[in-house]
């Protein structure tokens, strides 16, 4: 017999819902914080916002047309560019 504890399986929740529960903030406050974070990343072209979005065809430095979402293709393009340049990831994850 294994002595490993069995974890209870819970249904998956969105990050937004989990954050609301964990932080205990009202919905409007969390929305405002998320909007501010995305706007800051967009304005300074941080992370995936440094790449144009191949899904909704917006240029670099613009928000994706899907509100509060960064398309997976845009994130993958950013990761590919960072891996090619050898920057952006710790050495053990870049390989």
PDB file of N, CA and C in Angstrom:
ATOM      1  N   UNK A   1       0.826  -1.185   0.000  1.00  0.00           N
ATOM      2  CA  UNK A   1       0.000   0.000   0.000  1.00  0.00           C
ATOM      3  C   UNK A   1       0.869   1.246   0.000  1.00  0.00           C
ATOM      4  N   UNK A   2       0.411   2.229  -0.710  1.00  0.00           N
ATOM      5  CA  UNK A   2       1.124   3.498  -0.777  1.00  0.00           C
ATOM      6  C   UNK A   2       0.687   4.402   0.366  1.00  0.00           C
ATOM      7  N   UNK A   3       1.636   5.151   0.896  1.00  0.00           N
ATOM      8  CA  UNK A   3       1.304   6.102   1.964  1.00  0.00           C
ATOM      9  C   UNK A   3       1.078   7.500   1.410  1.00  0.00           C
ATOM     10  N   UNK A   4       1.061   7.620   0.087  1.00  0.00           N
ATOM     11  CA  UNK A   4       0.843   8.921  -0.551  1.00  0.00           C
ATOM     12  C   UNK A   4      -0.597   9.347  -0.334  1.00  0.00           C
ATOM     13  N   UNK A   5      -0.816  10.574   0.181  1.00  0.00           N
ATOM     14  CA  UNK A   5      -2.198  11.019   0.392  1.00  0.00           C
ATOM     15  C   UNK A   5      -2.902  11.248  -0.948  1.00  0.00           C
ATOM     16  N   UNK A   6      -4.142  10.935  -0.989  1.00  0.00           N
ATOM     17  CA  UNK A   6      -4.948  11.126  -2.196  1.00  0.00           C
ATOM     18  C   UNK A   6      -5.599  12.494  -2.116  1.00  0.00           C
ATOM     19  N   UNK A   7      -5.388  13.304  -3.130  1.00  0.00           N
ATOM     20  CA  UNK A   7      -5.966  14.638  -3.169  1.00  0.00           C
ATOM     21  C   UNK A   7      -7.357  14.581  -3.773  1.00  0.00           C
ATOM     22  N   UNK A   8      -8.213  15.365  -3.217  1.00  0.00           N
ATOM     23  CA  UNK A   8      -9.578  15.432  -3.726  1.00  0.00           C
ATOM     24  C   UNK A   8      -9.585  16.119  -5.084  1.00  0.00           C
ATOM     25  N   UNK A   9     -10.306  15.561  -6.028  1.00  0.00           N
ATOM     26  CA  UNK A   9     -10.402  16.138  -7.361  1.00  0.00           C
ATOM     27  C   UNK A   9     -11.530  17.166  -7.355  1.00  0.00           C
ATOM     28  N   UNK A  10     -11.179  18.387  -7.723  1.00  0.00           N
ATOM     29  CA  UNK A  10     -12.189  19.448  -7.769  1.00  0.00           C
ATOM     30  C   UNK A  10     -12.397  19.856  -9.214  1.00  0.00           C
ATOM     31  N   UNK A  11     -13.586  20.317  -9.538  1.00  0.00           N
ATOM     32  CA  UNK A  11     -13.814  20.766 -10.914  1.00  0.00           C
ATOM     33  C   UNK A  11     -12.930  21.965 -11.237  1.00  0.00           C
ATOM     34  N   UNK A  12     -12.515  22.067 -12.497  1.00  0.00           N
ATOM     35  CA  UNK A  12     -11.644  23.161 -12.918  1.00  0.00           C
ATOM     36  C   UNK A  12     -12.424  24.455 -12.986  1.00  0.00           C
ATOM     37  N   UNK A  13     -11.799  25.514 -12.521  1.00  0.00           N
ATOM     38  CA  UNK A  13     -12.409  26.838 -12.583  1.00  0.00           C
ATOM     39  C   UNK A  13     -11.499  27.734 -13.399  1.00  0.00           C
ATOM     40  N   UNK A  14     -12.065  28.786 -13.918  1.00  0.00           N
ATOM     41  CA  UNK A  14     -11.253  29.739 -14.658  1.00  0.00           C
ATOM     42  C   UNK A  14     -10.321  30.452 -13.686  1.00  0.00           C
ATOM     43  N   UNK A  15      -9.259  31.025 -14.216  1.00  0.00           N
ATOM     44  CA  UNK A  15      -8.319  31.780 -13.392  1.00  0.00           C
ATOM     45  C   UNK A  15      -9.043  32.936 -12.733  1.00  0.00           C
ATOM     46  N   UNK A  16      -9.925  33.560 -13.476  1.00  0.00           N
ATOM     47  CA  UNK A  16     -10.679  34.696 -12.958  1.00  0.00           C
ATOM     48  C   UNK A  16     -11.530  34.275 -11.753  1.00  0.00           C
ATOM     49  N   UNK A  17     -12.236  33.165 -11.859  1.00  0.00           N
ATOM     50  CA  UNK A  17     -13.082  32.690 -10.763  1.00  0.00           C
ATOM     51  C   UNK A  17     -12.238  32.278  -9.563  1.00  0.00           C
ATOM     52  N   UNK A  18     -11.120  31.609  -9.824  1.00  0.00           N
ATOM     53  CA  UNK A  18     -10.246  31.189  -8.735  1.00  0.00           C
ATOM     54  C   UNK A  18      -9.652  32.391  -8.014  1.00  0.00           C
ATOM     55  N   UNK A  19      -9.299  33.423  -8.763  1.00  0.00           N
ATOM     56  CA  UNK A  19      -8.741  34.627  -8.156  1.00  0.00           C
ATOM     57  C   UNK A  19      -9.779  35.332  -7.297  1.00  0.00           C
ATOM     58  N   UNK A  20     -11.009  35.366  -7.761  1.00  0.00           N
ATOM     59  CA  UNK A  20     -12.077  35.985  -6.970  1.00  0.00           C
ATOM     60  C   UNK A  20     -12.234  35.276  -5.630  1.00  0.00           C
ATOM     61  N   UNK A  21     -12.197  33.958  -5.650  1.00  0.00           N
ATOM     62  CA  UNK A  21     -12.372  33.187  -4.432  1.00  0.00           C
ATOM     63  C   UNK A  21     -11.162  33.359  -3.517  1.00  0.00           C
ATOM     64  N   UNK A  22      -9.966  33.279  -4.092  1.00  0.00           N
ATOM     65  CA  UNK A  22      -8.742  33.338  -3.299  1.00  0.00           C
ATOM     66  C   UNK A  22      -8.521  34.712  -2.678  1.00  0.00           C
ATOM     67  N   UNK A  23      -8.776  35.751  -3.428  1.00  0.00           N
ATOM     68  CA  UNK A  23      -8.490  37.099  -2.960  1.00  0.00           C
ATOM     69  C   UNK A  23      -9.658  37.668  -2.171  1.00  0.00           C
ATOM     70  N   UNK A  24     -10.852  37.317  -2.535  1.00  0.00           N
ATOM     71  CA  UNK A  24     -12.019  37.847  -1.849  1.00  0.00           C
ATOM     72  C   UNK A  24     -12.355  39.262  -2.253  1.00  0.00           C
ATOM     73  N   UNK A  25     -11.914  39.685  -3.411  1.00  0.00           N
ATOM     74  CA  UNK A  25     -12.221  41.032  -3.896  1.00  0.00           C
ATOM     75  C   UNK A  25     -13.542  41.034  -4.642  1.00  0.00           C
ATOM     76  N   UNK A  26     -14.205  42.167  -4.649  1.00  0.00           N
ATOM     77  CA  UNK A  26     -15.410  42.254  -5.483  1.00  0.00           C
ATOM     78  C   UNK A  26     -15.047  42.112  -6.955  1.00  0.00           C
ATOM     79  N   UNK A  27     -15.990  41.642  -7.731  1.00  0.00           N
ATOM     80  CA  UNK A  27     -15.777  41.392  -9.151  1.00  0.00           C
ATOM     81  C   UNK A  27     -15.232  42.627  -9.867  1.00  0.00           C
ATOM     82  N   UNK A  28     -15.776  43.791  -9.584  1.00  0.00           N
ATOM     83  CA  UNK A  28     -15.357  45.006 -10.279  1.00  0.00           C
ATOM     84  C   UNK A  28     -13.909  45.383  -9.975  1.00  0.00           C
ATOM     85  N   UNK A  29     -13.456  45.133  -8.744  1.00  0.00           N
ATOM     86  CA  UNK A  29     -12.077  45.460  -8.379  1.00  0.00           C
ATOM     87  C   UNK A  29     -11.097  44.544  -9.103  1.00  0.00           C
ATOM     88  N   UNK A  30     -11.424  43.261  -9.189  1.00  0.00           N
ATOM     89  CA  UNK A  30     -10.553  42.331  -9.889  1.00  0.00           C
ATOM     90  C   UNK A  30     -10.513  42.645 -11.381  1.00  0.00           C
ATOM     91  N   UNK A  31     -11.652  42.996 -11.966  1.00  0.00           N
ATOM     92  CA  UNK A  31     -11.697  43.393 -13.375  1.00  0.00           C
ATOM     93  C   UNK A  31     -10.812  44.602 -13.628  1.00  0.00           C
ATOM     94  N   UNK A  32     -10.866  45.582 -12.747  1.00  0.00           N
ATOM     95  CA  UNK A  32     -10.057  46.791 -12.910  1.00  0.00           C
ATOM     96  C   UNK A  32      -8.568  46.468 -12.818  1.00  0.00           C
ATOM     97  N   UNK A  33      -8.196  45.577 -11.899  1.00  0.00           N
ATOM     98  CA  UNK A  33      -6.783  45.192 -11.781  1.00  0.00           C
ATOM     99  C   UNK A  33      -6.311  44.448 -13.018  1.00  0.00           C
ATOM    100  N   UNK A  34      -7.139  43.558 -13.535  1.00  0.00           N
ATOM    101  CA  UNK A  34      -6.775  42.807 -14.734  1.00  0.00           C
ATOM    102  C   UNK A  34      -6.660  43.727 -15.947  1.00  0.00           C
ATOM    103  N   UNK A  35      -7.594  44.665 -16.081  1.00  0.00           N
ATOM    104  CA  UNK A  35      -7.526  45.637 -17.176  1.00  0.00           C
ATOM    105  C   UNK A  35      -6.260  46.476 -17.084  1.00  0.00           C
ATOM    106  N   UNK A  36      -5.901  46.909 -15.890  1.00  0.00           N
ATOM    107  CA  UNK A  36      -4.701  47.726 -15.703  1.00  0.00           C
ATOM    108  C   UNK A  36      -3.438  46.935 -16.043  1.00  0.00           C
ATOM    109  N   UNK A  37      -3.407  45.665 -15.655  1.00  0.00           N
ATOM    110  CA  UNK A  37      -2.238  44.828 -15.964  1.00  0.00           C
ATOM    111  C   UNK A  37      -2.093  44.640 -17.471  1.00  0.00           C
ATOM    112  N   UNK A  38      -3.193  44.327 -18.158  1.00  0.00           N
ATOM    113  CA  UNK A  38      -3.131  44.151 -19.610  1.00  0.00           C
ATOM    114  C   UNK A  38      -2.766  45.460 -20.309  1.00  0.00           C
ATOM    115  N   UNK A  39      -3.292  46.562 -19.832  1.00  0.00           N
ATOM    116  CA  UNK A  39      -2.981  47.851 -20.455  1.00  0.00           C
ATOM    117  C   UNK A  39      -1.502  48.192 -20.279  1.00  0.00           C
ATOM    118  N   UNK A  40      -0.952  47.900 -19.108  1.00  0.00           N
ATOM    119  CA  UNK A  40       0.476  48.157 -18.874  1.00  0.00           C
ATOM    120  C   UNK A  40       1.333  47.288 -19.783  1.00  0.00           C
ATOM    121  N   UNK A  41       1.005  46.013 -19.897  1.00  0.00           N
ATOM    122  CA  UNK A  41       1.759  45.120 -20.779  1.00  0.00           C
ATOM    123  C   UNK A  41       1.636  45.568 -22.234  1.00  0.00           C
ATOM    124  N   UNK A  42       0.450  45.972 -22.641  1.00  0.00           N
ATOM    125  CA  UNK A  42       0.249  46.432 -24.016  1.00  0.00           C
ATOM    126  C   UNK A  42       1.055  47.694 -24.289  1.00  0.00           C
ATOM    127  N   UNK A  43       0.968  48.641 -23.370  1.00  0.00           N
ATOM    128  CA  UNK A  43       1.622  49.939 -23.576  1.00  0.00           C
ATOM    129  C   UNK A  43       3.136  49.802 -23.726  1.00  0.00           C
ATOM    130  N   UNK A  44       3.743  48.956 -22.926  1.00  0.00           N
ATOM    131  CA  UNK A  44       5.190  48.804 -22.958  1.00  0.00           C
ATOM    132  C   UNK A  44       5.645  47.585 -23.757  1.00  0.00           C
ATOM    133  N   UNK A  45       4.699  46.922 -24.432  1.00  0.00           N
ATOM    134  CA  UNK A  45       4.984  45.761 -25.285  1.00  0.00           C
ATOM    135  C   UNK A  45       5.753  44.678 -24.548  1.00  0.00           C
ATOM    136  N   UNK A  46       5.236  44.317 -23.375  1.00  0.00           N
ATOM    137  CA  UNK A  46       5.839  43.250 -22.583  1.00  0.00           C
ATOM    138  C   UNK A  46       5.239  41.921 -22.985  1.00  0.00           C
ATOM    139  N   UNK A  47       6.025  40.884 -22.875  1.00  0.00           N
ATOM    140  CA  UNK A  47       5.534  39.534 -23.102  1.00  0.00           C
ATOM    141  C   UNK A  47       4.945  39.346 -24.481  1.00  0.00           C
ATOM    142  N   UNK A  48       3.800  38.698 -24.522  1.00  0.00           N
ATOM    143  CA  UNK A  48       3.154  38.375 -25.799  1.00  0.00           C
ATOM    144  C   UNK A  48       2.701  39.619 -26.548  1.00  0.00           C
ATOM    145  N   UNK A  49       2.553  40.738 -25.869  1.00  0.00           N
ATOM    146  CA  UNK A  49       2.117  41.959 -26.546  1.00  0.00           C
ATOM    147  C   UNK A  49       3.219  42.560 -27.425  1.00  0.00           C
ATOM    148  N   UNK A  50       4.416  41.986 -27.383  1.00  0.00           N
ATOM    149  CA  UNK A  50       5.495  42.426 -28.263  1.00  0.00           C
ATOM    150  C   UNK A  50       5.356  41.820 -29.659  1.00  0.00           C
ATOM    151  N   UNK A  51       4.452  40.867 -29.810  1.00  0.00           N
ATOM    152  CA  UNK A  51       4.248  40.170 -31.087  1.00  0.00           C
ATOM    153  C   UNK A  51       2.894  40.548 -31.690  1.00  0.00           C
ATOM    154  N   UNK A  52       2.803  40.596 -33.020  1.00  0.00           N
ATOM    155  CA  UNK A  52       1.472  40.739 -33.635  1.00  0.00           C
ATOM    156  C   UNK A  52       0.679  39.448 -33.429  1.00  0.00           C
ATOM    157  N   UNK A  53      -0.627  39.554 -33.347  1.00  0.00           N
ATOM    158  CA  UNK A  53      -1.455  38.372 -33.108  1.00  0.00           C
ATOM    159  C   UNK A  53      -1.852  37.731 -34.435  1.00  0.00           C
ATOM    160  N   UNK A  54      -1.445  36.482 -34.678  1.00  0.00           N
ATOM    161  CA  UNK A  54      -1.825  35.828 -35.924  1.00  0.00           C
ATOM    162  C   UNK A  54      -3.293  35.398 -35.956  1.00  0.00           C
ATOM    163  N   UNK A  55      -3.958  35.361 -34.810  1.00  0.00           N
ATOM    164  CA  UNK A  55      -5.352  34.940 -34.761  1.00  0.00           C
ATOM    165  C   UNK A  55      -6.301  36.079 -35.125  1.00  0.00           C
ATOM    166  N   UNK A  56      -6.164  37.223 -34.444  1.00  0.00           N
ATOM    167  CA  UNK A  56      -7.096  38.332 -34.719  1.00  0.00           C
ATOM    168  C   UNK A  56      -6.438  39.450 -35.528  1.00  0.00           C
ATOM    169  N   UNK A  57      -5.184  39.272 -35.911  1.00  0.00           N
ATOM    170  CA  UNK A  57      -4.468  40.159 -36.837  1.00  0.00           C
ATOM    171  C   UNK A  57      -4.315  41.585 -36.329  1.00  0.00           C
ATOM    172  N   UNK A  58      -4.117  41.758 -35.023  1.00  0.00           N
ATOM    173  CA  UNK A  58      -3.792  43.079 -34.506  1.00  0.00           C
ATOM    174  C   UNK A  58      -2.277  43.202 -34.472  1.00  0.00           C
ATOM    175  N   UNK A  59      -1.781  44.409 -34.537  1.00  0.00           N
ATOM    176  CA  UNK A  59      -0.331  44.614 -34.553  1.00  0.00           C
ATOM    177  C   UNK A  59       0.244  44.491 -33.149  1.00  0.00           C
ATOM    178  N   UNK A  60       1.565  44.438 -33.074  1.00  0.00           N
ATOM    179  CA  UNK A  60       2.252  44.376 -31.789  1.00  0.00           C
ATOM    180  C   UNK A  60       1.919  45.629 -30.988  1.00  0.00           C
ATOM    181  N   UNK A  61       1.740  45.458 -29.698  1.00  0.00           N
ATOM    182  CA  UNK A  61       1.402  46.583 -28.848  1.00  0.00           C
ATOM    183  C   UNK A  61      -0.078  46.864 -28.764  1.00  0.00           C
ATOM    184  N   UNK A  62      -0.905  46.023 -29.352  1.00  0.00           N
ATOM    185  CA  UNK A  62      -2.367  46.183 -29.282  1.00  0.00           C
ATOM    186  C   UNK A  62      -2.965  44.995 -28.554  1.00  0.00           C
ATOM    187  N   UNK A  63      -4.102  45.220 -27.910  1.00  0.00           N
ATOM    188  CA  UNK A  63      -4.810  44.133 -27.242  1.00  0.00           C
ATOM    189  C   UNK A  63      -5.478  43.249 -28.277  1.00  0.00           C
ATOM    190  N   UNK A  64      -5.583  41.965 -27.965  1.00  0.00           N
ATOM    191  CA  UNK A  64      -6.327  41.059 -28.837  1.00  0.00           C
ATOM    192  C   UNK A  64      -7.801  41.470 -28.826  1.00  0.00           C
ATOM    193  N   UNK A  65      -8.494  41.128 -29.891  1.00  0.00           N
ATOM    194  CA  UNK A  65      -9.900  41.506 -30.000  1.00  0.00           C
ATOM    195  C   UNK A  65     -10.761  40.776 -28.983  1.00  0.00           C
ATOM    196  N   UNK A  66     -10.329  39.631 -28.495  1.00  0.00           N
ATOM    197  CA  UNK A  66     -11.048  38.925 -27.433  1.00  0.00           C
ATOM    198  C   UNK A  66     -10.715  39.618 -26.117  1.00  0.00           C
ATOM    199  N   UNK A  67     -11.695  40.178 -25.489  1.00  0.00           N
ATOM    200  CA  UNK A  67     -11.463  40.949 -24.267  1.00  0.00           C
ATOM    201  C   UNK A  67     -10.864  40.063 -23.173  1.00  0.00           C
ATOM    202  N   UNK A  68      -9.847  40.583 -22.507  1.00  0.00           N
ATOM    203  CA  UNK A  68      -9.156  39.900 -21.418  1.00  0.00           C
ATOM    204  C   UNK A  68      -8.625  38.537 -21.806  1.00  0.00           C
ATOM    205  N   UNK A  69      -8.084  38.468 -22.987  1.00  0.00           N
ATOM    206  CA  UNK A  69      -7.511  37.207 -23.435  1.00  0.00           C
ATOM    207  C   UNK A  69      -6.356  37.504 -24.370  1.00  0.00           C
ATOM    208  N   UNK A  70      -5.334  36.710 -24.279  1.00  0.00           N
ATOM    209  CA  UNK A  70      -4.235  36.753 -25.231  1.00  0.00           C
ATOM    210  C   UNK A  70      -4.298  35.422 -25.958  1.00  0.00           C
ATOM    211  N   UNK A  71      -4.437  35.467 -27.262  1.00  0.00           N
ATOM    212  CA  UNK A  71      -4.589  34.235 -28.024  1.00  0.00           C
ATOM    213  C   UNK A  71      -3.357  33.344 -27.889  1.00  0.00           C
ATOM    214  N   UNK A  72      -3.605  32.053 -27.893  1.00  0.00           N
ATOM    215  CA  UNK A  72      -2.531  31.071 -27.723  1.00  0.00           C
ATOM    216  C   UNK A  72      -1.469  31.204 -28.812  1.00  0.00           C
ATOM    217  N   UNK A  73      -1.886  31.501 -30.041  1.00  0.00           N
ATOM    218  CA  UNK A  73      -0.917  31.647 -31.134  1.00  0.00           C
ATOM    219  C   UNK A  73       0.027  32.817 -30.879  1.00  0.00           C
ATOM    220  N   UNK A  74      -0.477  33.863 -30.258  1.00  0.00           N
ATOM    221  CA  UNK A  74       0.369  35.021 -29.938  1.00  0.00           C
ATOM    222  C   UNK A  74       1.371  34.650 -28.855  1.00  0.00           C
ATOM    223  N   UNK A  75       0.924  33.923 -27.837  1.00  0.00           N
ATOM    224  CA  UNK A  75       1.840  33.489 -26.791  1.00  0.00           C
ATOM    225  C   UNK A  75       2.907  32.557 -27.348  1.00  0.00           C
ATOM    226  N   UNK A  76       2.506  31.649 -28.241  1.00  0.00           N
ATOM    227  CA  UNK A  76       3.473  30.730 -28.851  1.00  0.00           C
ATOM    228  C   UNK A  76       4.493  31.478 -29.702  1.00  0.00           C
ATOM    229  N   UNK A  77       4.051  32.486 -30.434  1.00  0.00           N
ATOM    230  CA  UNK A  77       4.982  33.281 -31.242  1.00  0.00           C
ATOM    231  C   UNK A  77       5.994  33.988 -30.349  1.00  0.00           C
ATOM    232  N   UNK A  78       5.539  34.492 -29.215  1.00  0.00           N
ATOM    233  CA  UNK A  78       6.444  35.160 -28.281  1.00  0.00           C
ATOM    234  C   UNK A  78       7.453  34.168 -27.707  1.00  0.00           C
ATOM    235  N   UNK A  79       6.978  32.989 -27.317  1.00  0.00           N
ATOM    236  CA  UNK A  79       7.878  31.967 -26.760  1.00  0.00           C
ATOM    237  C   UNK A  79       8.894  31.496 -27.788  1.00  0.00           C
ATOM    238  N   UNK A  80       8.462  31.369 -29.042  1.00  0.00           N
ATOM    239  CA  UNK A  80       9.379  30.933 -30.099  1.00  0.00           C
ATOM    240  C   UNK A  80      10.462  31.975 -30.341  1.00  0.00           C
ATOM    241  N   UNK A  81      10.076  33.246 -30.367  1.00  0.00           N
ATOM    242  CA  UNK A  81      11.065  34.306 -30.588  1.00  0.00           C
ATOM    243  C   UNK A  81      12.038  34.388 -29.424  1.00  0.00           C
ATOM    244  N   UNK A  82      11.529  34.244 -28.197  1.00  0.00           N
ATOM    245  CA  UNK A  82      12.401  34.296 -27.022  1.00  0.00           C
ATOM    246  C   UNK A  82      13.354  33.099 -27.007  1.00  0.00           C
ATOM    247  N   UNK A  83      12.874  31.936 -27.429  1.00  0.00           N
ATOM    248  CA  UNK A  83      13.737  30.748 -27.460  1.00  0.00           C
ATOM    249  C   UNK A  83      14.814  30.886 -28.531  1.00  0.00           C
ATOM    250  N   UNK A  84      14.494  31.486 -29.679  1.00  0.00           N
ATOM    251  CA  UNK A  84      15.480  31.671 -30.746  1.00  0.00           C
ATOM    252  C   UNK A  84      16.564  32.636 -30.319  1.00  0.00           C
ATOM    253  N   UNK A  85      16.181  33.681 -29.599  1.00  0.00           N
ATOM    254  CA  UNK A  85      17.174  34.664 -29.192  1.00  0.00           C
ATOM    255  C   UNK A  85      17.940  34.219 -27.955  1.00  0.00           C
ATOM    256  N   UNK A  86      17.421  33.164 -27.285  1.00  0.00           N
ATOM    257  CA  UNK A  86      18.103  32.674 -26.098  1.00  0.00           C
ATOM    258  C   UNK A  86      17.849  33.514 -24.870  1.00  0.00           C
ATOM    259  N   UNK A  87      16.882  34.438 -24.966  1.00  0.00           N
ATOM    260  CA  UNK A  87      16.558  35.290 -23.822  1.00  0.00           C
ATOM    261  C   UNK A  87      15.119  35.043 -23.406  1.00  0.00           C
ATOM    262  N   UNK A  88      14.788  35.510 -22.222  1.00  0.00           N
ATOM    263  CA  UNK A  88      13.413  35.477 -21.786  1.00  0.00           C
ATOM    264  C   UNK A  88      13.026  34.286 -20.945  1.00  0.00           C
ATOM    265  N   UNK A  89      13.848  33.242 -20.937  1.00  0.00           N
ATOM    266  CA  UNK A  89      13.540  32.063 -20.144  1.00  0.00           C
ATOM    267  C   UNK A  89      14.767  31.682 -19.338  1.00  0.00           C
ATOM    268  N   UNK A  90      14.568  31.101 -18.167  1.00  0.00           N
ATOM    269  CA  UNK A  90      15.730  30.610 -17.415  1.00  0.00           C
ATOM    270  C   UNK A  90      16.452  29.537 -18.238  1.00  0.00           C
ATOM    271  N   UNK A  91      17.741  29.378 -18.035  1.00  0.00           N
ATOM    272  CA  UNK A  91      18.533  28.447 -18.860  1.00  0.00           C
ATOM    273  C   UNK A  91      17.987  27.023 -18.874  1.00  0.00           C
ATOM    274  N   UNK A  92      17.447  26.547 -17.770  1.00  0.00           N
ATOM    275  CA  UNK A  92      16.974  25.162 -17.729  1.00  0.00           C
ATOM    276  C   UNK A  92      15.675  24.953 -18.515  1.00  0.00           C
ATOM    277  N   UNK A  93      14.937  26.015 -18.830  1.00  0.00           N
ATOM    278  CA  UNK A  93      13.715  25.849 -19.622  1.00  0.00           C
ATOM    279  C   UNK A  93      13.926  26.201 -21.082  1.00  0.00           C
ATOM    280  N   UNK A  94      15.031  26.817 -21.420  1.00  0.00           N
ATOM    281  CA  UNK A  94      15.266  27.238 -22.806  1.00  0.00           C
ATOM    282  C   UNK A  94      15.682  26.080 -23.695  1.00  0.00           C
ATOM    283  N   UNK A  95      16.105  24.985 -23.131  1.00  0.00           N
ATOM    284  CA  UNK A  95      16.571  23.849 -23.940  1.00  0.00           C
ATOM    285  C   UNK A  95      15.461  23.014 -24.463  1.00  0.00           C
TER     286      UNK A  95
END
